[in-house]
Protein backbone atom coordinates (compact mmCIF):
# COMPACT_ATOMS: atom_id res chain seq x y z
CA UNK A 1 74.45 136.30 173.70
CA UNK A 2 73.54 136.84 170.07
CA UNK A 3 75.27 134.46 167.66
CA UNK A 4 77.59 136.12 165.12
CA UNK A 5 75.41 134.91 162.23
CA UNK A 6 72.11 135.44 164.00
CA UNK A 7 68.65 136.69 163.30
CA UNK A 8 69.52 140.07 164.88
CA UNK A 9 72.51 140.34 162.58
CA UNK A 10 70.17 139.91 159.59
CA UNK A 11 67.96 142.68 160.97
CA UNK A 12 70.94 145.01 161.45
CA UNK A 13 72.21 144.21 157.96
CA UNK A 14 68.87 145.33 156.59
CA UNK A 15 69.05 148.50 158.70
CA UNK A 16 72.42 149.35 157.16
CA UNK A 17 71.14 148.63 153.67
CA UNK A 18 67.83 150.50 153.92
CA UNK A 19 68.31 153.05 156.70
CA UNK A 20 65.24 151.66 158.51
CA UNK A 21 64.85 151.65 162.27
CA UNK A 22 65.43 148.39 164.12
CA UNK A 23 61.69 147.93 164.65
CA UNK A 24 60.88 148.49 160.97
CA UNK A 25 63.70 146.27 159.74
CA UNK A 26 62.69 143.52 162.17
CA UNK A 27 59.10 143.71 160.93
CA UNK A 28 60.27 143.23 157.35
CA UNK A 29 62.46 140.26 158.27
CA UNK A 30 59.73 138.78 160.43
CA UNK A 31 57.23 139.00 157.58
CA UNK A 32 53.56 138.60 158.25
CA UNK A 33 52.08 135.43 156.78
CA UNK A 34 51.80 135.83 153.02
CA UNK A 35 49.78 133.81 150.55
CA UNK A 36 51.47 130.44 150.19
CA UNK A 37 51.81 130.80 146.44
CA UNK A 38 50.98 128.05 144.02
CA UNK A 39 53.55 125.46 145.12
CA UNK A 40 55.25 125.40 148.51
CA UNK A 41 58.81 124.82 147.29
CA UNK A 42 58.84 127.53 144.60
CA UNK A 43 57.02 129.95 146.95
CA UNK A 44 59.52 129.31 149.77
CA UNK A 45 62.51 129.78 147.47
CA UNK A 46 61.04 133.04 146.19
CA UNK A 47 60.63 134.21 149.80
CA UNK A 48 64.16 133.21 150.84
CA UNK A 49 65.57 135.02 147.79
CA UNK A 50 63.62 138.12 148.92
CA UNK A 51 61.32 138.31 145.87
CA UNK A 52 64.21 138.76 143.43
CA UNK A 53 62.64 136.05 141.26
CA UNK A 54 59.04 135.20 140.43
CA UNK A 55 57.59 131.93 141.65
CA UNK A 56 56.90 130.88 138.06
CA UNK A 57 60.50 131.53 137.01
CA UNK A 58 61.90 129.51 139.92
CA UNK A 59 59.49 126.64 139.26
CA UNK A 60 60.44 126.61 135.58
CA UNK A 61 64.16 126.67 136.35
CA UNK A 62 63.61 123.67 138.64
CA UNK A 63 62.26 121.74 135.66
CA UNK A 64 58.67 122.81 136.17
CA UNK A 65 56.49 119.93 135.14
CA UNK A 66 56.88 116.18 134.95
CA UNK A 67 54.84 113.05 135.47
CA UNK A 68 55.42 109.94 137.57
CA UNK A 69 52.72 107.32 138.18
CA UNK A 70 53.09 104.34 140.50
CA UNK A 71 50.70 101.91 142.20
CA UNK A 72 52.05 100.01 145.20
CA UNK A 73 50.36 96.79 146.27
CA UNK A 74 50.98 94.96 149.54
CA UNK A 75 49.22 91.76 150.56
CA UNK A 76 46.38 92.43 152.94
CA UNK A 77 46.34 96.18 152.30
CA UNK A 78 44.47 98.51 149.97
CA UNK A 79 46.73 99.42 147.02
CA UNK A 80 48.23 102.88 147.24
CA UNK A 81 48.73 105.21 144.28
CA UNK A 82 50.92 108.23 143.73
CA UNK A 83 51.31 110.74 140.92
CA UNK A 84 54.05 113.38 141.01
CA UNK A 85 53.11 116.10 138.52
CA UNK A 86 56.08 118.44 138.90
CA UNK A 87 59.57 117.71 137.66
CA UNK A 88 60.96 114.57 139.25
CA UNK A 89 63.23 112.94 140.49
CA UNK A 90 65.86 115.72 140.38
CA UNK A 91 65.77 117.67 143.70
CA UNK A 92 63.51 120.64 143.05
CA UNK A 93 65.16 123.49 145.00
CA UNK A 94 68.82 122.65 144.22
CA UNK A 95 67.92 122.27 140.53
CA UNK A 96 66.24 125.68 140.53
CA UNK A 97 69.30 127.27 142.18
CA UNK A 98 71.66 125.54 139.74
CA UNK A 99 69.78 126.80 136.67
CA UNK A 100 69.39 130.26 138.26
CA UNK A 101 73.17 130.54 138.55
CA UNK A 102 73.02 130.89 142.34
CA UNK A 103 75.79 129.32 144.41
CA UNK A 104 74.54 126.78 146.93
CA UNK A 105 75.68 123.83 148.99
CA UNK A 106 73.65 120.81 150.08
CA UNK A 107 74.85 119.17 153.30
CA UNK A 108 73.56 116.19 155.24
CA UNK A 109 74.57 114.83 158.64
CA UNK A 110 73.16 112.40 161.17
CA UNK A 111 74.83 114.35 163.99
CA UNK A 112 72.48 116.80 165.72
CA UNK A 113 75.46 118.60 167.25
CA UNK A 114 77.13 119.12 163.89
CA UNK A 115 73.83 120.19 162.29
CA UNK A 116 73.29 122.82 164.99
CA UNK A 117 76.82 124.14 164.50
CA UNK A 118 76.21 124.45 160.75
CA UNK A 119 72.93 126.24 161.38
CA UNK A 120 74.49 128.71 163.82
CA UNK A 121 77.43 129.47 161.53
CA UNK A 122 75.35 129.87 158.35
CA UNK A 123 76.22 133.04 156.47
CA UNK A 124 72.70 134.08 155.50
CA UNK A 125 69.39 132.22 155.16
CA UNK A 126 69.29 128.48 154.57
CA UNK A 127 66.60 125.94 153.73
CA UNK A 128 66.23 122.91 155.99
CA UNK A 129 64.41 119.73 154.96
CA UNK A 130 62.29 118.51 157.85
CA UNK A 131 61.38 114.93 158.69
CA UNK A 132 61.09 111.89 156.46
CA UNK A 133 58.95 113.86 154.00
CA UNK A 134 61.81 116.41 153.64
CA UNK A 135 59.44 119.35 153.96
CA UNK A 136 61.48 122.50 153.17
CA UNK A 137 61.42 125.50 155.50
CA UNK A 138 63.55 128.64 155.46
CA UNK A 139 65.78 129.47 158.41
CA UNK A 140 66.66 133.18 158.60
CA UNK A 141 69.07 132.90 161.52
CA UNK A 142 69.61 131.85 165.12
CA UNK A 143 69.62 134.03 168.22
CA UNK A 144 70.86 132.26 171.33
CA UNK A 145 68.34 129.50 172.01
CA UNK A 146 65.83 130.57 169.36
CA UNK A 147 65.60 130.31 165.58
CA UNK A 148 63.65 132.36 163.01
CA UNK A 149 61.82 129.95 160.72
CA UNK A 150 60.01 130.88 157.49
CA UNK A 151 57.19 128.49 156.58
CA UNK A 152 53.98 130.23 155.41
CA UNK A 153 55.10 133.29 157.34
CA UNK A 154 57.99 133.78 159.75
CA UNK A 155 57.99 132.88 163.41
CA UNK A 156 60.58 132.49 166.15
CA UNK A 157 60.67 129.16 167.96
CA UNK A 158 62.96 127.45 170.49
CA UNK A 159 66.01 126.02 168.75
CA UNK A 160 65.69 122.71 170.63
CA UNK A 161 62.14 122.31 169.34
CA UNK A 162 63.25 123.00 165.79
CA UNK A 163 66.15 120.55 166.05
CA UNK A 164 63.73 117.82 167.12
CA UNK A 165 61.49 118.34 164.09
CA UNK A 166 64.52 118.64 161.79
CA UNK A 167 66.17 115.53 163.13
CA UNK A 168 63.65 112.87 162.10
CA UNK A 169 66.21 111.25 159.83
CA UNK A 170 69.28 113.06 158.54
CA UNK A 171 69.68 116.78 159.03
CA UNK A 172 69.65 118.08 155.45
CA UNK A 173 70.34 121.74 154.69
CA UNK A 174 70.68 123.90 151.58
CA UNK A 175 72.97 126.90 152.09
CA UNK A 176 72.37 129.65 149.53
CA UNK A 177 75.17 131.91 148.31
CA UNK A 178 75.57 134.67 145.78
CA UNK A 179 74.32 134.77 142.22
CA UNK A 180 77.21 133.90 139.88
CA UNK A 181 75.68 134.13 136.45
CA UNK A 182 72.63 134.45 134.28
CA UNK A 183 69.82 131.88 134.49
CA UNK A 184 70.20 128.95 132.10
CA UNK A 185 66.63 128.78 130.83
CA UNK A 186 67.60 126.60 127.87
CA UNK A 187 69.08 123.89 130.10
CA UNK A 188 66.01 123.91 132.35
CA UNK A 189 63.59 123.61 129.42
CA UNK A 190 65.71 120.92 127.76
CA UNK A 191 65.60 118.86 130.97
CA UNK A 192 61.81 119.24 131.14
CA UNK A 193 61.39 118.09 127.54
CA UNK A 194 63.79 115.16 127.91
CA UNK A 195 62.14 113.86 131.07
CA UNK A 196 58.63 114.05 129.63
CA UNK A 197 59.66 112.20 126.48
CA UNK A 198 62.00 109.81 128.35
CA UNK A 199 64.00 107.98 129.40
CA UNK A 200 64.40 109.39 132.91
CA UNK A 201 66.13 106.73 135.01
CA UNK A 202 67.46 104.46 132.27
CA UNK A 203 65.84 101.32 133.70
CA UNK A 204 62.55 99.40 133.69
CA UNK A 205 60.83 102.02 135.86
CA UNK A 206 60.90 104.52 132.98
CA UNK A 207 57.53 103.20 131.82
CA UNK A 208 56.06 105.09 134.81
CA UNK A 209 57.54 108.48 133.85
CA UNK A 210 56.58 111.23 131.45
CA UNK A 211 54.23 110.59 128.55
CA UNK A 212 54.76 106.84 129.03
CA UNK A 213 53.44 107.18 132.59
CA UNK A 214 50.39 109.05 131.30
CA UNK A 215 49.67 106.23 128.82
CA UNK A 216 49.98 103.70 131.63
CA UNK A 217 47.56 105.68 133.81
CA UNK A 218 45.00 105.86 130.97
CA UNK A 219 45.35 102.13 130.28
CA UNK A 220 44.78 101.21 133.91
CA UNK A 221 41.80 103.55 134.21
CA UNK A 222 40.20 101.67 131.27
CA UNK A 223 41.32 98.18 132.32
CA UNK A 224 38.45 96.05 133.66
CA UNK A 225 40.84 93.38 134.99
CA UNK A 226 42.83 93.13 138.21
CA UNK A 227 45.25 95.90 137.17
CA UNK A 228 42.40 98.31 136.48
CA UNK A 229 41.17 100.95 138.88
CA UNK A 230 37.63 99.52 138.99
CA UNK A 231 38.92 96.31 140.59
CA UNK A 232 41.88 97.68 142.53
CA UNK A 233 39.68 100.09 144.49
CA UNK A 234 36.32 98.34 144.17
CA UNK A 235 35.92 98.36 147.97
CA UNK A 236 37.11 101.93 148.43
CA UNK A 237 36.55 104.08 145.31
CA UNK A 238 36.69 107.18 147.49
CA UNK A 239 40.37 106.50 148.17
CA UNK A 240 41.24 106.62 144.47
CA UNK A 241 39.24 109.82 143.98
CA UNK A 242 40.92 111.52 146.92
CA UNK A 243 44.40 110.48 145.76
CA UNK A 244 43.73 111.88 142.29
CA UNK A 245 42.78 115.21 143.79
CA UNK A 246 45.69 115.35 146.22
CA UNK A 247 48.33 114.33 143.68
CA UNK A 248 47.15 116.64 140.89
CA UNK A 249 46.19 119.70 142.95
CA UNK A 250 48.05 119.67 146.28
CA UNK A 251 50.97 117.30 146.97
CA UNK A 252 54.33 118.29 145.44
CA UNK A 253 52.48 120.29 142.83
CA UNK A 254 50.64 123.48 142.02
CA UNK A 255 46.95 123.36 140.98
CA UNK A 256 46.33 121.87 137.56
CA UNK A 257 49.27 119.47 137.91
CA UNK A 258 51.67 122.48 137.86
CA UNK A 259 50.85 123.14 134.19
CA UNK A 260 49.36 126.67 134.60
CA UNK A 261 52.38 127.72 136.69
CA UNK A 262 54.68 126.40 133.97
CA UNK A 263 52.67 128.36 131.40
CA UNK A 264 53.49 131.53 133.38
CA UNK A 265 57.18 130.61 133.18
CA UNK A 266 56.98 130.20 129.40
CA UNK A 267 55.29 133.59 129.03
CA UNK A 268 57.92 135.23 131.24
CA UNK A 269 60.75 133.73 129.17
CA UNK A 270 59.08 134.35 125.79
CA UNK A 271 58.89 130.66 124.90
CA UNK A 272 56.03 128.87 123.11
CA UNK A 273 53.64 126.37 124.66
CA UNK A 274 51.90 128.48 127.32
CA UNK A 275 48.46 128.14 125.72
CA UNK A 276 48.85 124.36 125.47
CA UNK A 277 49.93 123.96 129.09
CA UNK A 278 47.07 126.12 130.30
CA UNK A 279 44.73 123.79 128.42
CA UNK A 280 46.35 120.64 129.82
CA UNK A 281 46.22 122.19 133.30
CA UNK A 282 42.47 122.66 132.88
CA UNK A 283 42.16 119.01 131.89
CA UNK A 284 44.23 117.77 134.84
CA UNK A 285 42.05 119.78 137.22
CA UNK A 286 38.99 118.12 135.70
CA UNK A 287 40.64 114.73 136.15
CA UNK A 288 41.39 115.64 139.77
CA UNK A 289 37.65 115.97 140.41
CA UNK A 290 37.21 112.27 139.60
CA UNK A 291 34.32 110.56 137.84
CA UNK A 292 33.80 107.71 135.40
CA UNK A 293 37.09 105.92 134.79
CA UNK A 294 36.66 105.66 131.00
CA UNK A 295 35.98 109.39 130.82
CA UNK A 296 38.99 110.11 133.01
CA UNK A 297 41.15 107.98 130.71
CA UNK A 298 39.93 109.97 127.71
CA UNK A 299 40.91 113.22 129.43
CA UNK A 300 44.35 111.85 130.36
CA UNK A 301 44.91 110.98 126.69
CA UNK A 302 43.73 114.43 125.65
CA UNK A 303 46.02 116.14 128.18
CA UNK A 304 48.96 114.05 126.98
CA UNK A 305 48.24 114.90 123.33
CA UNK A 306 48.12 118.63 124.13
CA UNK A 307 51.39 118.41 126.06
CA UNK A 308 53.12 116.43 123.30
CA UNK A 309 52.25 119.31 120.96
CA UNK A 310 53.64 121.83 123.46
CA UNK A 311 56.87 119.89 123.86
CA UNK A 312 57.35 119.76 120.09
CA UNK A 313 57.00 123.55 120.03
CA UNK A 314 59.54 123.94 122.83
CA UNK A 315 62.05 121.53 121.28
CA UNK A 316 61.82 123.29 117.92
CA UNK A 317 62.46 126.66 119.57
């Protein structure tokens, strides 16, 4: 029997709104795979909100860009490195919804039974964070023992299968409500500027964030000692090159370290700095291709200098 807040109910709601047949409405709800956008989280949120907002606007409202650089070293293991180029550590999707003026609730439970009840009773689409990596996917509704999941296109899968993938850790869910006000662009931009210029956490780790983190990256690229990249990854330089590419072009980011996407947001909102962030995005993409460490350090410094100029323009506006 179809659940009260089910996938079929979403289809019928669209039929009432548009006058479409059931088959047509179902096809629109079960969208064919669409281009994944520039960044998964902002693309998914745009999809769940039914294209009411642009991906650039949602990314900008989430804080857009940031910078976090850490190297983790464990005895007997190759050091690992991570760069997060989008805004961090504030949760990306809830922050975007907050600044967009859209009501939402974030819930978390370790009980699979309670999580399933929440999913079945959801009044509209939700976003679930899957596994330890908290990969966000949209859930359009349940229908008996199946669930309609939106993740680079929409598909129906067994609910039990979905619950297993969702339950690797706590079951976290973002329920999205109605829009309650106008987007607070100023607050979003202010947060971006403050977190690039620091402090972010208010502790010793702040040296790894924002422009300070960029300076640290450039210093360690140049360093010929044990803290430098040449020694840290002397036995596996390919690892460092691959991590640079993944962190600046793929993981938790849009191409060009999210800077070109943020430039689109600034153009859409009529704010200055778009030209500068397009330029820094070009530089970060060049850095992502790897090469001589001294040359990479020079480009990191150049990208930081361009972004410092852009942030001064934004703060003065």
